[in-house]
PDB file of N, CA and C in Angstrom:
ATOM      1  N   UNK A   1      13.460 -11.567  -5.527  1.00  0.00           N
ATOM      2  CA  UNK A   1      13.185 -10.964  -4.221  1.00  0.00           C
ATOM      3  C   UNK A   1      11.965 -11.622  -3.584  1.00  0.00           C
ATOM      4  N   UNK A   2      11.047 -12.057  -4.414  1.00  0.00           N
ATOM      5  CA  UNK A   2       9.824 -12.676  -3.901  1.00  0.00           C
ATOM      6  C   UNK A   2      10.130 -13.939  -3.116  1.00  0.00           C
ATOM      7  N   UNK A   3      11.203 -14.618  -3.513  1.00  0.00           N
ATOM      8  CA  UNK A   3      11.557 -15.856  -2.827  1.00  0.00           C
ATOM      9  C   UNK A   3      11.988 -15.588  -1.386  1.00  0.00           C
ATOM     10  N   UNK A   4      12.583 -14.414  -1.156  1.00  0.00           N
ATOM     11  CA  UNK A   4      13.106 -14.099   0.173  1.00  0.00           C
ATOM     12  C   UNK A   4      11.985 -13.721   1.137  1.00  0.00           C
ATOM     13  N   UNK A   5      10.867 -13.283   0.590  1.00  0.00           N
ATOM     14  CA  UNK A   5       9.757 -12.836   1.432  1.00  0.00           C
ATOM     15  C   UNK A   5       8.898 -14.016   1.845  1.00  0.00           C
ATOM     16  N   UNK A   6       8.712 -14.189   3.152  1.00  0.00           N
ATOM     17  CA  UNK A   6       7.879 -15.284   3.651  1.00  0.00           C
ATOM     18  C   UNK A   6       6.408 -14.977   3.453  1.00  0.00           C
ATOM     19  N   UNK A   7       5.591 -16.011   3.482  1.00  0.00           N
ATOM     20  CA  UNK A   7       4.148 -15.847   3.286  1.00  0.00           C
ATOM     21  C   UNK A   7       3.534 -14.871   4.298  1.00  0.00           C
ATOM     22  N   UNK A   8       3.906 -14.955   5.599  1.00  0.00           N
ATOM     23  CA  UNK A   8       3.333 -14.041   6.589  1.00  0.00           C
ATOM     24  C   UNK A   8       3.635 -12.571   6.280  1.00  0.00           C
ATOM     25  N   UNK A   9       4.760 -12.319   5.626  1.00  0.00           N
ATOM     26  CA  UNK A   9       5.165 -10.942   5.354  1.00  0.00           C
ATOM     27  C   UNK A   9       4.635 -10.443   4.014  1.00  0.00           C
ATOM     28  N   UNK A  10       4.021 -11.345   3.253  1.00  0.00           N
ATOM     29  CA  UNK A  10       3.622 -11.006   1.892  1.00  0.00           C
ATOM     30  C   UNK A  10       2.565  -9.908   1.868  1.00  0.00           C
ATOM     31  N   UNK A  11       1.565 -10.026   2.749  1.00  0.00           N
ATOM     32  CA  UNK A  11       0.501  -9.029   2.775  1.00  0.00           C
ATOM     33  C   UNK A  11       1.048  -7.674   3.212  1.00  0.00           C
ATOM     34  N   UNK A  12       1.970  -7.706   4.171  1.00  0.00           N
ATOM     35  CA  UNK A  12       2.576  -6.463   4.651  1.00  0.00           C
ATOM     36  C   UNK A  12       3.397  -5.821   3.536  1.00  0.00           C
ATOM     37  N   UNK A  13       4.123  -6.660   2.792  1.00  0.00           N
ATOM     38  CA  UNK A  13       4.915  -6.176   1.661  1.00  0.00           C
ATOM     39  C   UNK A  13       4.012  -5.573   0.595  1.00  0.00           C
ATOM     40  N   UNK A  14       2.884  -6.233   0.357  1.00  0.00           N
ATOM     41  CA  UNK A  14       1.947  -5.766  -0.662  1.00  0.00           C
ATOM     42  C   UNK A  14       1.407  -4.387  -0.299  1.00  0.00           C
ATOM     43  N   UNK A  15       1.058  -4.210   0.971  1.00  0.00           N
ATOM     44  CA  UNK A  15       0.540  -2.915   1.429  1.00  0.00           C
ATOM     45  C   UNK A  15       1.599  -1.834   1.255  1.00  0.00           C
ATOM     46  N   UNK A  16       2.838  -2.166   1.627  1.00  0.00           N
ATOM     47  CA  UNK A  16       3.935  -1.221   1.522  1.00  0.00           C
ATOM     48  C   UNK A  16       4.195  -0.874   0.068  1.00  0.00           C
ATOM     49  N   UNK A  17       4.193  -1.910  -0.769  1.00  0.00           N
ATOM     50  CA  UNK A  17       4.434  -1.725  -2.203  1.00  0.00           C
ATOM     51  C   UNK A  17       3.345  -0.859  -2.816  1.00  0.00           C
ATOM     52  N   UNK A  18       2.105  -1.129  -2.425  1.00  0.00           N
ATOM     53  CA  UNK A  18       0.968  -0.388  -2.974  1.00  0.00           C
ATOM     54  C   UNK A  18       1.030   1.071  -2.551  1.00  0.00           C
ATOM     55  N   UNK A  19       1.509   1.304  -1.331  1.00  0.00           N
ATOM     56  CA  UNK A  19       1.610   2.676  -0.825  1.00  0.00           C
ATOM     57  C   UNK A  19       2.676   3.447  -1.592  1.00  0.00           C
ATOM     58  N   UNK A  20       3.758   2.755  -1.960  1.00  0.00           N
ATOM     59  CA  UNK A  20       4.876   3.416  -2.625  1.00  0.00           C
ATOM     60  C   UNK A  20       4.637   3.599  -4.120  1.00  0.00           C
ATOM     61  N   UNK A  21       4.095   2.564  -4.782  1.00  0.00           N
ATOM     62  CA  UNK A  21       3.967   2.609  -6.236  1.00  0.00           C
ATOM     63  C   UNK A  21       2.563   2.966  -6.699  1.00  0.00           C
ATOM     64  N   UNK A  22       1.564   2.781  -5.840  1.00  0.00           N
ATOM     65  CA  UNK A  22       0.195   3.073  -6.217  1.00  0.00           C
ATOM     66  C   UNK A  22      -0.469   1.914  -6.937  1.00  0.00           C
ATOM     67  N   UNK A  23       0.226   0.788  -7.034  1.00  0.00           N
ATOM     68  CA  UNK A  23      -0.376  -0.394  -7.649  1.00  0.00           C
ATOM     69  C   UNK A  23       0.086  -1.638  -6.918  1.00  0.00           C
ATOM     70  N   UNK A  24      -0.671  -2.726  -7.078  1.00  0.00           N
ATOM     71  CA  UNK A  24      -0.318  -3.965  -6.390  1.00  0.00           C
ATOM     72  C   UNK A  24       0.880  -4.624  -7.063  1.00  0.00           C
ATOM     73  N   UNK A  25       1.672  -5.395  -6.311  1.00  0.00           N
ATOM     74  CA  UNK A  25       2.856  -6.070  -6.855  1.00  0.00           C
ATOM     75  C   UNK A  25       2.524  -6.931  -8.064  1.00  0.00           C
ATOM     76  N   UNK A  26       1.400  -7.622  -8.032  1.00  0.00           N
ATOM     77  CA  UNK A  26       1.027  -8.484  -9.159  1.00  0.00           C
ATOM     78  C   UNK A  26       0.755  -7.656 -10.403  1.00  0.00           C
ATOM     79  N   UNK A  27       0.079  -6.531 -10.215  1.00  0.00           N
ATOM     80  CA  UNK A  27      -0.211  -5.645 -11.326  1.00  0.00           C
ATOM     81  C   UNK A  27       1.088  -5.086 -11.897  1.00  0.00           C
ATOM     82  N   UNK A  28       2.007  -4.722 -11.011  1.00  0.00           N
ATOM     83  CA  UNK A  28       3.294  -4.176 -11.417  1.00  0.00           C
ATOM     84  C   UNK A  28       4.078  -5.186 -12.240  1.00  0.00           C
ATOM     85  N   UNK A  29       4.096  -6.435 -11.767  1.00  0.00           N
ATOM     86  CA  UNK A  29       4.825  -7.492 -12.469  1.00  0.00           C
ATOM     87  C   UNK A  29       4.218  -7.747 -13.841  1.00  0.00           C
ATOM     88  N   UNK A  30       2.902  -7.697 -13.934  1.00  0.00           N
ATOM     89  CA  UNK A  30       2.233  -7.902 -15.218  1.00  0.00           C
ATOM     90  C   UNK A  30       2.626  -6.805 -16.199  1.00  0.00           C
ATOM     91  N   UNK A  31       2.714  -5.574 -15.723  1.00  0.00           N
ATOM     92  CA  UNK A  31       3.092  -4.468 -16.603  1.00  0.00           C
ATOM     93  C   UNK A  31       4.539  -4.610 -17.054  1.00  0.00           C
ATOM     94  N   UNK A  32       5.392  -5.134 -16.171  1.00  0.00           N
ATOM     95  CA  UNK A  32       6.797  -5.320 -16.511  1.00  0.00           C
ATOM     96  C   UNK A  32       6.970  -6.393 -17.586  1.00  0.00           C
ATOM     97  N   UNK A  33       6.148  -7.442 -17.517  1.00  0.00           N
ATOM     98  CA  UNK A  33       6.289  -8.557 -18.454  1.00  0.00           C
ATOM     99  C   UNK A  33       5.791  -8.183 -19.844  1.00  0.00           C
ATOM    100  N   UNK A  34       4.801  -7.319 -19.901  1.00  0.00           N
ATOM    101  CA  UNK A  34       4.234  -6.943 -21.202  1.00  0.00           C
ATOM    102  C   UNK A  34       5.197  -6.056 -21.986  1.00  0.00           C
TER     103      UNK A  34
END
């Protein structure tokens, strides 16, 4: 999904993601990989 998101939309996506999950996308991905 990250590939579909353009760089300009990345910050907006991050804010939206953080609002919904309570954590940043990078943090979420790190937890998923562990």
